[in-house]
Amino acid sequence: MNIKTISNFIKIKTRQHLKHNILYLRATIHIARYFIFKNYRKKRCLVDPPMSFFYKYGKLANYFSIPLKAFAKYLKKKNIFISINNDCNSSIGHIYAEIGLIHRMQKLDNRYIGSKVWFLSSRKDILVETKDIFENKNFRIFFGGIKRILLIFVATNNPSISIDGSIGHANYIKRINNTDFHVFDQLPRQRAKLIKKDQNFYPNKDKLINYEKAKCELLKKLNIKKKYIIIQTKPYRANGTLEPLRPDLFLKTIDYFQNKDYQVVFAGREKLPKIFFKKSIIDYANSEFASAINDYILVGNCTLVLASASGFCFLPESLDKPLLIINAHHISQHSGRRTIYLPTLLSRRSIPFTASMQHHYLCTYGKRCGYFTFDDLYILHAPTSEEIYMAAKELEEMLKDKIPAYTALQKSISKDSKCPLIGDGLSRISNYFLKKHKNFFI
C-alpha cells in the first residue's frame, strides 16, 4: 500500500466521520499535524473543538451545573457576556462580520449596552494579528481550546449570560444547526437594522491611525505611490459566487481607473488572472506581504473596493469603504451605506423567477439556491463588462462625505420590498443594472 493510497483512505474515512459526527480520527490527525508542522501550530490551538463537539458533548455541562451556575452568576453580576456560535474564526468574513455585529449589539441593543464581552477562539491565523483592532475595554479576545470549551459550557448551560453574533449555522444551545432561513434572512435583517440604527459607527475605522507607520512600510514594499483601488475576484465557486465571472469582464473598469491615475491592487488570496498581468496590477494577494493585518491596513487606506461575493466584502464594509459586490446570487446579505450590489439573477425554465423568488430559494434550499437540485434552474443573467463599468462609476459617488440619495428606482424597490432585505439596511443595487432588469424586481 503506497502513500497515495493511504492518504486517499484517510480522506475518505475523515469525510465519513465528519458526516456521522465522529471525532476521534479528526482529533488524531489534528494532534499529529500540530506537533509535526510549525505553521499549523501558529494557526491552531492544541485543543481545537469543532462545532460538532459542542453538539455531541454539550449535555456534559449538565453534570457540572452547580459550579457552572455559580460562575455564570458571577459573570452576570459583572455584566459580562460570553460570545457563542462563533465557529469560523479562520474566515475573514466571519471575523469582521461577527465581531462587528457584537460591537453594534453592545452599543445599540438594550440587553447589552454597557456590558463586557468575552470572545473565545482556538483559531489564531487571523485573530492573533488583528486582536488589537477589535479589542477595547469592553471587548476581550481569549485564545485556548480548553478555555473555550469551559466558557461555552458555562454560556450554553446559562443562556442569559451568552451573546450570539454569529452569521452562520452553529447553534450550541439547541445543539442543532440553524435553518437556512435563519442564516440568510433573519440574521442579515438583524445586522441590517443595527447598521441602519447608527450609520456612523465604524470602530475598526478609528483604529487605522494606530497603523500609520505600518501603512507607510507596506505601501513602500508594494510600490504603491499614489491613490489606489482594490480588486478581488473568485475564480471558483465559493461563498456567494455561484459561477465565477471571466476576468476579461473587469478590463474596461480597470482601464477606467488607471486612466484616472489610480493604481490597482489585487487582494484576497486567489491567483492573479493571467489576463491581468499586462495591466500593471499590483499582486498583493500572492506576495510575501499578504497577511491578516496587512489586509486590514491595505483595505483601510484604499479608495474603493471591487469584490466578488465572499467573506472578504465584510472587511471594506467594516471600514466604511465604497464597495461594489459583483456576481452575488445572494443579492442582499450586506447592508453598508457605501455598498452597491451587482447581482447574478437566477430562474427556472418551469417557473420564471423574481428577486423575491430567488431569495425564497436561497432560504429554502441553501447557499446554492437549489442550483444542483433542480435540472431546470439556471443563471438567467450574470454581470456584463458594461454593467461592472457603470456600477463602478456609480460607486465613485460614494467617495463623497454625503452618501448619494437613492434614485427613484432604487427607492421604489427598497420601499416596496421587491428585493428582500434591501429595505432593512443601507446598501443598494446598481441603478444602471436595475434599469436593464427592472422586470426581475417587480
Protein backbone atom coordinates (compact mmCIF):
# COMPACT_ATOMS: atom_id res chain seq x y z
CA MET A 1 0.00 0.00 0.00
CA ASN A 2 1.67 3.27 -1.12
CA ILE A 3 1.43 6.71 0.48
CA LYS A 4 -1.15 7.98 -2.04
CA THR A 5 -3.45 5.04 -1.28
CA ILE A 6 -3.13 5.61 2.47
CA SER A 7 -3.79 9.34 2.01
CA ASN A 8 -6.95 8.67 -0.04
CA PHE A 9 -8.15 6.14 2.55
CA ILE A 10 -7.72 8.69 5.36
CA LYS A 11 -9.54 11.36 3.35
CA ILE A 12 -12.49 9.05 2.71
CA LYS A 13 -12.63 8.00 6.35
CA THR A 14 -12.40 11.61 7.51
CA ARG A 15 -15.33 12.60 5.29
CA GLN A 16 -17.35 9.67 6.64
CA HIS A 17 -16.55 10.63 10.24
CA LEU A 18 -17.45 14.25 9.55
CA LYS A 19 -20.81 13.17 8.12
CA HIS A 20 -21.58 10.96 11.13
CA ASN A 21 -20.18 13.36 13.75
CA ILE A 22 -17.33 11.01 14.79
CA LEU A 23 -14.45 12.96 16.29
CA TYR A 24 -11.54 10.65 17.18
CA LEU A 25 -9.94 10.36 13.72
CA ARG A 26 -10.13 14.09 13.09
CA ALA A 27 -8.72 14.75 16.57
CA THR A 28 -5.83 12.35 15.94
CA ILE A 29 -5.00 13.98 12.59
CA HIS A 30 -5.17 17.43 14.18
CA ILE A 31 -2.80 16.49 17.03
CA ALA A 32 -0.34 14.89 14.60
CA ARG A 33 -0.31 18.00 12.42
CA TYR A 34 0.03 20.21 15.48
CA PHE A 35 3.25 18.57 16.62
CA ILE A 36 4.73 17.98 13.14
CA PHE A 37 4.08 21.28 11.37
CA LYS A 38 5.21 24.60 12.83
CA ASN A 39 2.95 26.69 10.60
CA TYR A 40 -0.05 24.60 11.67
CA ARG A 41 0.76 25.32 15.34
CA LYS A 42 0.76 29.05 14.59
CA LYS A 43 -2.82 28.86 13.38
CA ARG A 44 -4.43 26.41 15.78
CA CYS A 45 -4.54 25.63 19.48
CA LEU A 46 -3.69 22.08 20.57
CA VAL A 47 -7.30 21.70 21.71
CA ASP A 48 -9.46 22.95 18.85
CA PRO A 49 -13.02 21.62 19.20
CA PRO A 50 -15.25 21.78 16.11
CA MET A 51 -18.91 22.72 16.20
CA SER A 52 -19.88 19.05 16.30
CA PHE A 53 -18.07 18.66 19.64
CA PHE A 54 -20.50 21.04 21.34
CA TYR A 55 -23.44 19.31 19.69
CA LYS A 56 -22.30 15.87 20.75
CA TYR A 57 -20.99 16.60 24.24
CA GLY A 58 -22.98 19.70 25.20
CA LYS A 59 -25.05 17.66 27.65
CA LEU A 60 -21.92 17.09 29.73
CA ALA A 61 -22.46 20.60 31.09
CA ASN A 62 -25.48 19.27 32.99
CA TYR A 63 -23.18 17.19 35.22
CA PHE A 64 -21.38 20.35 36.32
CA SER A 65 -24.42 22.59 36.58
CA ILE A 66 -23.70 23.81 40.13
CA PRO A 67 -20.19 25.25 39.50
CA LEU A 68 -21.25 26.46 36.05
CA LYS A 69 -24.22 28.31 37.51
CA ALA A 70 -22.04 29.79 40.24
CA PHE A 71 -19.61 31.16 37.66
CA ALA A 72 -22.48 32.38 35.47
CA LYS A 73 -23.88 34.24 38.47
CA TYR A 74 -20.51 35.94 38.92
CA LEU A 75 -20.42 36.94 35.22
CA LYS A 76 -23.95 38.30 35.40
CA LYS A 77 -23.03 40.40 38.42
CA LYS A 78 -20.06 41.82 36.48
CA ASN A 79 -22.25 42.34 33.37
CA ILE A 80 -20.01 40.03 31.31
CA PHE A 81 -21.37 38.06 28.34
CA ILE A 82 -19.74 35.08 26.64
CA SER A 83 -19.84 35.07 22.85
CA ILE A 84 -21.13 31.78 21.43
CA ASN A 85 -21.60 30.18 17.99
CA ASN A 86 -18.55 31.97 16.54
CA ASP A 87 -17.40 28.78 14.87
CA CYS A 88 -15.47 30.03 11.81
CA ASN A 89 -12.60 32.08 13.21
CA SER A 90 -10.32 31.14 10.32
CA SER A 91 -12.60 33.08 7.96
CA ILE A 92 -12.02 36.79 7.37
CA GLY A 93 -15.73 37.23 6.63
CA HIS A 94 -16.90 35.65 9.87
CA ILE A 95 -14.32 37.54 11.95
CA TYR A 96 -15.21 41.02 10.69
CA ALA A 97 -18.94 40.37 10.42
CA GLU A 98 -19.40 38.66 13.78
CA ILE A 99 -17.19 40.87 15.92
CA GLY A 100 -18.65 43.91 14.17
CA LEU A 101 -22.14 42.70 14.98
CA ILE A 102 -21.27 42.17 18.64
CA HIS A 103 -19.81 45.68 18.86
CA ARG A 104 -23.06 47.08 17.46
CA MET A 105 -25.12 44.97 19.86
CA GLN A 106 -23.10 46.35 22.77
CA LYS A 107 -23.77 49.90 21.59
CA LEU A 108 -27.36 49.67 20.33
CA ASP A 109 -29.13 46.66 21.86
CA ASN A 110 -30.59 47.46 25.29
CA ARG A 111 -29.75 43.96 26.54
CA TYR A 112 -26.01 44.53 26.10
CA ILE A 113 -25.41 48.29 26.40
CA GLY A 114 -22.55 48.89 28.85
CA SER A 115 -21.65 45.20 29.02
CA LYS A 116 -18.32 43.43 28.62
CA VAL A 117 -17.97 40.57 26.11
CA TRP A 118 -15.52 37.67 26.09
CA PHE A 119 -14.89 36.37 22.58
CA LEU A 120 -13.42 32.84 22.54
CA SER A 121 -11.27 31.27 19.85
CA SER A 122 -8.97 28.30 19.30
CA ARG A 123 -8.02 29.58 15.81
CA LYS A 124 -5.17 32.08 15.69
CA ASP A 125 -4.40 32.63 12.00
CA ILE A 126 -6.38 35.87 11.70
CA LEU A 127 -7.09 36.98 15.25
CA VAL A 128 -3.53 36.91 16.63
CA GLU A 129 -2.51 39.62 14.16
CA THR A 130 -5.73 41.62 14.30
CA LYS A 131 -6.54 41.28 18.02
CA ASP A 132 -5.72 44.92 18.75
CA ILE A 133 -8.09 46.11 16.03
CA PHE A 134 -11.10 44.56 17.71
CA GLU A 135 -10.31 44.72 21.41
CA ASN A 136 -11.36 47.56 23.68
CA LYS A 137 -12.09 47.88 27.38
CA ASN A 138 -15.46 46.16 26.91
CA PHE A 139 -14.47 43.51 24.37
CA ARG A 140 -11.78 40.91 25.02
CA ILE A 141 -10.50 38.06 22.86
CA PHE A 142 -9.34 34.87 24.61
CA PHE A 143 -7.36 32.08 22.92
CA GLY A 144 -7.31 28.48 24.07
CA GLY A 145 -9.29 25.36 23.36
CA ILE A 146 -9.84 24.28 26.98
CA LYS A 147 -10.80 27.80 27.95
CA ARG A 148 -13.22 27.88 25.01
CA ILE A 149 -14.85 24.58 25.99
CA LEU A 150 -15.31 25.53 29.65
CA LEU A 151 -16.68 29.01 28.99
CA ILE A 152 -19.02 27.85 26.23
CA PHE A 153 -20.33 25.20 28.61
CA VAL A 154 -20.99 27.98 31.10
CA ALA A 155 -22.84 30.00 28.47
CA THR A 156 -24.88 27.15 26.99
CA ASN A 157 -25.88 25.96 30.45
CA ASN A 158 -26.85 29.53 31.36
CA PRO A 159 -28.02 31.24 28.13
CA SER A 160 -28.77 34.53 29.90
CA ILE A 161 -25.04 35.34 30.00
CA SER A 162 -24.45 34.43 26.33
CA ILE A 163 -24.34 36.76 23.35
CA ASP A 164 -24.73 35.47 19.79
CA GLY A 165 -23.12 37.47 16.99
CA SER A 166 -22.83 34.53 14.62
CA ILE A 167 -23.62 34.78 10.92
CA GLY A 168 -23.55 31.01 10.41
CA HIS A 169 -25.50 27.85 11.12
CA ALA A 170 -23.96 27.00 14.51
CA ASN A 171 -26.29 26.86 17.50
CA TYR A 172 -24.55 25.44 20.58
CA ILE A 173 -27.52 25.94 22.87
CA LYS A 174 -30.02 23.96 20.79
CA ARG A 175 -27.21 21.64 19.56
CA ILE A 176 -28.66 21.67 16.07
CA ASN A 177 -27.85 23.78 13.01
CA ASN A 178 -29.86 26.92 12.39
CA THR A 179 -32.07 26.77 9.30
CA ASP A 180 -31.07 28.40 6.02
CA PHE A 181 -33.98 30.81 6.51
CA HIS A 182 -32.48 31.89 9.83
CA VAL A 183 -28.99 32.32 8.33
CA PHE A 184 -29.93 34.04 5.06
CA ASP A 185 -32.94 36.06 6.19
CA GLN A 186 -33.29 36.58 9.94
CA LEU A 187 -29.62 37.14 10.77
CA PRO A 188 -28.91 39.62 7.93
CA ARG A 189 -32.07 41.52 8.89
CA GLN A 190 -30.72 41.82 12.43
CA ARG A 191 -27.35 43.10 11.16
CA ALA A 192 -29.00 45.45 8.68
CA LYS A 193 -31.24 47.07 11.29
CA LEU A 194 -28.32 47.66 13.66
CA ILE A 195 -26.24 49.19 10.85
CA LYS A 196 -29.16 51.42 9.95
CA LYS A 197 -29.73 52.41 13.58
CA ASP A 198 -26.30 54.08 13.86
CA GLN A 199 -24.95 54.93 10.42
CA ASN A 200 -21.68 56.44 11.67
CA PHE A 201 -20.47 53.61 13.91
CA TYR A 202 -17.28 52.11 12.42
CA PRO A 203 -14.88 51.27 15.29
CA ASN A 204 -12.41 49.43 13.01
CA LYS A 205 -12.01 52.64 11.02
CA ASP A 206 -10.98 54.52 14.15
CA LYS A 207 -8.08 52.10 14.78
CA LEU A 208 -6.37 52.84 11.43
CA ILE A 209 -4.48 55.76 12.95
CA ASN A 210 -2.54 53.27 15.09
CA TYR A 211 -1.02 51.72 11.94
CA GLU A 212 0.39 54.78 10.16
CA LYS A 213 3.99 53.55 10.29
CA ALA A 214 2.99 50.06 9.16
CA LYS A 215 0.95 51.60 6.33
CA CYS A 216 3.93 53.59 5.01
CA GLU A 217 6.14 50.50 5.14
CA LEU A 218 3.57 48.30 3.40
CA LEU A 219 2.84 50.76 0.60
CA LYS A 220 6.57 51.18 0.00
CA LYS A 221 7.11 47.42 -0.20
CA LEU A 222 4.26 47.07 -2.67
CA ASN A 223 5.43 50.08 -4.70
CA ILE A 224 2.14 51.89 -4.17
CA LYS A 225 2.92 55.55 -4.78
CA LYS A 226 -0.50 57.13 -5.22
CA LYS A 227 -4.18 56.53 -4.62
CA TYR A 228 -5.29 53.00 -5.38
CA ILE A 229 -8.32 50.79 -5.71
CA ILE A 230 -8.61 47.12 -4.75
CA ILE A 231 -9.96 44.28 -6.89
CA GLN A 232 -10.73 40.82 -5.55
CA THR A 233 -12.19 38.08 -7.73
CA LYS A 234 -13.30 34.49 -7.16
CA PRO A 235 -12.09 32.12 -9.93
CA TYR A 236 -14.10 29.24 -8.48
CA ARG A 237 -17.48 28.51 -6.90
CA ALA A 238 -17.45 29.64 -3.26
CA ASN A 239 -19.41 31.71 -0.76
CA GLY A 240 -21.82 33.98 -2.66
CA THR A 241 -20.24 33.19 -6.03
CA LEU A 242 -22.33 30.56 -7.81
CA GLU A 243 -20.32 30.64 -11.05
CA PRO A 244 -17.17 32.78 -11.45
CA LEU A 245 -17.01 35.58 -13.98
CA ARG A 246 -14.44 35.77 -16.78
CA PRO A 247 -11.59 38.09 -15.68
CA ASP A 248 -11.71 39.96 -19.00
CA LEU A 249 -15.04 41.45 -17.92
CA PHE A 250 -13.10 43.68 -15.49
CA LEU A 251 -10.69 45.12 -18.08
CA LYS A 252 -12.81 48.10 -19.11
CA THR A 253 -13.25 49.12 -15.48
CA ILE A 254 -9.54 48.64 -14.74
CA ASP A 255 -8.66 50.87 -17.72
CA TYR A 256 -11.11 53.48 -16.47
CA PHE A 257 -9.46 53.79 -13.06
CA GLN A 258 -5.91 53.60 -14.38
CA ASN A 259 -6.71 56.41 -16.81
CA LYS A 260 -7.82 58.42 -13.76
CA ASP A 261 -4.34 57.87 -12.27
CA TYR A 262 -5.27 55.13 -9.81
CA GLN A 263 -3.06 52.17 -9.14
CA VAL A 264 -4.89 48.83 -8.99
CA VAL A 265 -4.14 46.26 -6.30
CA PHE A 266 -5.24 42.63 -6.47
CA ALA A 267 -6.23 41.41 -2.98
CA GLY A 268 -7.62 38.28 -1.36
CA ARG A 269 -5.69 35.01 -1.67
CA GLU A 270 -6.69 33.93 -5.17
CA LYS A 271 -4.23 33.69 -8.05
CA LEU A 272 -3.90 36.76 -10.23
CA PRO A 273 -5.73 36.09 -13.53
CA LYS A 274 -3.29 35.82 -16.42
CA ILE A 275 -5.12 38.50 -18.36
CA PHE A 276 -4.33 40.98 -15.55
CA PHE A 277 -0.55 40.59 -15.98
CA LYS A 278 -0.45 43.13 -18.82
CA LYS A 279 -2.32 45.74 -16.77
CA SER A 280 0.42 46.62 -14.26
CA ILE A 281 -1.75 45.40 -11.42
CA ILE A 282 -0.02 45.01 -8.06
CA ASP A 283 -0.36 41.37 -6.97
CA TYR A 284 -0.61 41.74 -3.21
CA ALA A 285 -2.69 38.55 -2.90
CA ASN A 286 0.24 36.33 -3.88
CA SER A 287 3.02 38.42 -2.38
CA GLU A 288 5.09 37.66 0.71
CA PHE A 289 3.35 40.59 2.40
CA ALA A 290 -0.15 39.11 2.33
CA SER A 291 -1.32 38.73 5.93
CA ALA A 292 -4.35 39.37 8.10
CA ILE A 293 -3.04 42.64 9.49
CA ASN A 294 -1.86 43.86 6.08
CA ASP A 295 -5.29 43.08 4.63
CA TYR A 296 -6.73 45.49 7.18
CA ILE A 297 -4.11 48.18 6.50
CA LEU A 298 -4.35 47.86 2.73
CA VAL A 299 -8.15 47.97 2.57
CA GLY A 300 -8.32 50.68 5.22
CA ASN A 301 -6.23 53.05 3.12
CA CYS A 302 -7.63 52.34 -0.35
CA THR A 303 -10.11 54.49 -2.24
CA LEU A 304 -12.70 51.83 -3.08
CA VAL A 305 -13.11 48.07 -3.47
CA LEU A 306 -14.50 45.91 -6.30
CA ALA A 307 -15.03 42.39 -4.98
CA SER A 308 -16.66 39.08 -5.73
CA ALA A 309 -19.40 37.92 -3.40
CA SER A 310 -17.41 36.46 -0.49
CA GLY A 311 -16.47 37.00 3.12
CA PHE A 312 -13.76 39.43 2.02
CA CYS A 313 -16.51 42.01 1.49
CA PHE A 314 -17.09 42.33 5.24
CA LEU A 315 -13.62 43.91 5.65
CA PRO A 316 -14.14 47.01 3.46
CA GLU A 317 -17.71 47.30 4.70
CA SER A 318 -16.48 47.37 8.32
CA LEU A 319 -14.18 50.25 7.34
CA ASP A 320 -16.93 52.24 5.61
CA LYS A 321 -15.23 51.88 2.23
CA PRO A 322 -17.16 52.19 -1.05
CA LEU A 323 -17.75 48.57 -2.04
CA LEU A 324 -19.11 47.04 -5.22
CA ILE A 325 -20.17 43.42 -4.68
CA ILE A 326 -20.13 41.69 -8.05
CA ASN A 327 -21.83 38.47 -9.14
CA ALA A 328 -23.73 37.83 -5.88
CA HIS A 329 -26.62 35.40 -6.22
CA HIS A 330 -27.39 36.03 -2.52
CA ILE A 331 -28.10 39.61 -3.65
CA SER A 332 -28.52 41.44 -0.33
CA GLN A 333 -26.59 39.93 2.57
CA HIS A 334 -24.52 43.13 3.04
CA SER A 335 -26.05 46.36 4.31
CA GLY A 336 -23.32 49.01 4.47
CA ARG A 337 -24.18 52.57 3.50
CA ARG A 338 -21.48 52.67 0.77
CA THR A 339 -22.24 49.19 -0.61
CA ILE A 340 -23.62 48.60 -4.12
CA TYR A 341 -24.74 45.20 -5.42
CA LEU A 342 -24.31 43.91 -8.95
CA PRO A 343 -26.11 40.59 -8.62
CA THR A 344 -26.41 37.37 -10.56
CA LEU A 345 -30.00 36.54 -11.43
CA LEU A 346 -31.41 33.01 -11.43
CA SER A 347 -34.51 31.40 -12.86
CA ARG A 348 -36.12 28.09 -13.68
CA ARG A 349 -37.43 27.15 -17.10
CA SER A 350 -40.63 25.94 -15.48
CA ILE A 351 -41.02 28.91 -13.10
CA PRO A 352 -39.94 32.46 -14.02
CA PHE A 353 -38.05 33.98 -11.09
CA THR A 354 -38.23 37.35 -9.40
CA ALA A 355 -35.84 38.70 -6.77
CA SER A 356 -38.28 37.56 -4.08
CA MET A 357 -38.41 34.06 -5.56
CA GLN A 358 -34.62 33.88 -5.74
CA HIS A 359 -34.41 34.83 -2.07
CA HIS A 360 -37.05 32.21 -1.25
CA TYR A 361 -34.94 29.52 -2.94
CA LEU A 362 -31.86 30.71 -1.03
CA CYS A 363 -33.69 30.42 2.29
CA THR A 364 -35.28 27.09 1.39
CA TYR A 365 -32.53 25.19 -0.45
CA GLY A 366 -29.39 26.81 0.98
CA LYS A 367 -26.48 28.82 -0.31
CA ARG A 368 -26.65 27.41 -3.86
CA CYS A 369 -30.39 28.17 -4.15
CA GLY A 370 -31.10 24.65 -5.40
CA TYR A 371 -28.75 25.10 -8.37
CA PHE A 372 -27.73 21.45 -8.18
CA THR A 373 -31.15 20.24 -7.06
CA PHE A 374 -33.34 21.32 -9.96
CA ASP A 375 -32.40 20.37 -13.52
CA ASP A 376 -34.09 23.43 -14.96
CA LEU A 377 -32.57 26.03 -12.63
CA TYR A 378 -30.06 28.18 -14.49
CA ILE A 379 -28.27 31.52 -14.45
CA LEU A 380 -30.62 33.95 -16.13
CA HIS A 381 -28.11 36.78 -16.15
CA ALA A 382 -24.58 37.39 -14.84
CA PRO A 383 -22.96 40.85 -14.73
CA THR A 384 -21.51 42.07 -18.01
CA SER A 385 -18.45 44.22 -18.66
CA GLU A 386 -20.64 47.29 -19.22
CA GLU A 387 -22.65 46.66 -16.04
CA ILE A 388 -19.46 46.35 -13.97
CA TYR A 389 -18.12 49.54 -15.54
CA MET A 390 -21.30 51.55 -14.94
CA ALA A 391 -21.70 50.24 -11.39
CA ALA A 392 -18.07 51.16 -10.62
CA LYS A 393 -18.74 54.71 -11.85
CA GLU A 394 -21.79 54.80 -9.59
CA LEU A 395 -19.58 53.61 -6.73
CA GLU A 396 -17.32 56.65 -7.20
CA GLU A 397 -20.17 58.80 -5.95
CA MET A 398 -19.82 57.01 -2.61
CA LEU A 399 -16.48 58.77 -2.09
CA LYS A 400 -18.32 61.93 -1.11
CA ASP A 401 -18.88 62.62 2.58
CA LYS A 402 -22.61 62.82 1.97
CA ILE A 403 -23.95 59.48 0.74
CA PRO A 404 -25.87 59.92 -2.54
CA ALA A 405 -29.63 59.56 -2.21
CA TYR A 406 -31.36 56.53 -3.69
CA THR A 407 -32.63 57.00 -7.20
CA ALA A 408 -36.38 56.79 -7.69
CA LEU A 409 -36.00 53.22 -8.96
CA GLN A 410 -33.78 52.16 -6.06
CA LYS A 411 -36.16 53.75 -3.60
CA SER A 412 -39.14 52.01 -5.15
CA ILE A 413 -37.56 48.58 -4.92
CA SER A 414 -36.37 49.19 -1.38
CA LYS A 415 -39.67 50.63 -0.15
CA ASP A 416 -41.92 48.00 -1.71
CA SER A 417 -39.74 45.04 -0.62
CA LYS A 418 -39.39 43.88 -4.22
CA CYS A 419 -35.95 42.64 -3.26
CA PRO A 420 -35.97 41.12 0.26
CA LEU A 421 -33.54 42.59 2.83
CA ILE A 422 -32.60 45.63 0.72
CA GLY A 423 -35.06 47.84 2.59
CA ASP A 424 -33.76 46.74 6.01
CA GLY A 425 -30.26 48.12 5.53
CA LEU A 426 -28.47 50.89 3.66
CA SER A 427 -26.99 49.10 0.64
CA ARG A 428 -28.47 49.32 -2.85
CA ILE A 429 -28.46 47.59 -6.22
CA SER A 430 -26.74 49.38 -9.10
CA ASN A 431 -29.21 51.76 -10.71
CA TYR A 432 -27.92 51.01 -14.22
CA PHE A 433 -28.46 47.30 -13.54
CA LEU A 434 -31.98 47.89 -12.20
CA LYS A 435 -32.96 49.80 -15.32
CA LYS A 436 -31.88 46.91 -17.51
CA HIS A 437 -33.52 44.21 -15.38
CA LYS A 438 -36.43 46.06 -13.86
CA ASN A 439 -38.94 43.26 -14.52
CA PHE A 440 -36.96 40.89 -12.30
CA PHE A 441 -37.56 43.16 -9.31
CA ILE A 442 -41.26 43.84 -9.84
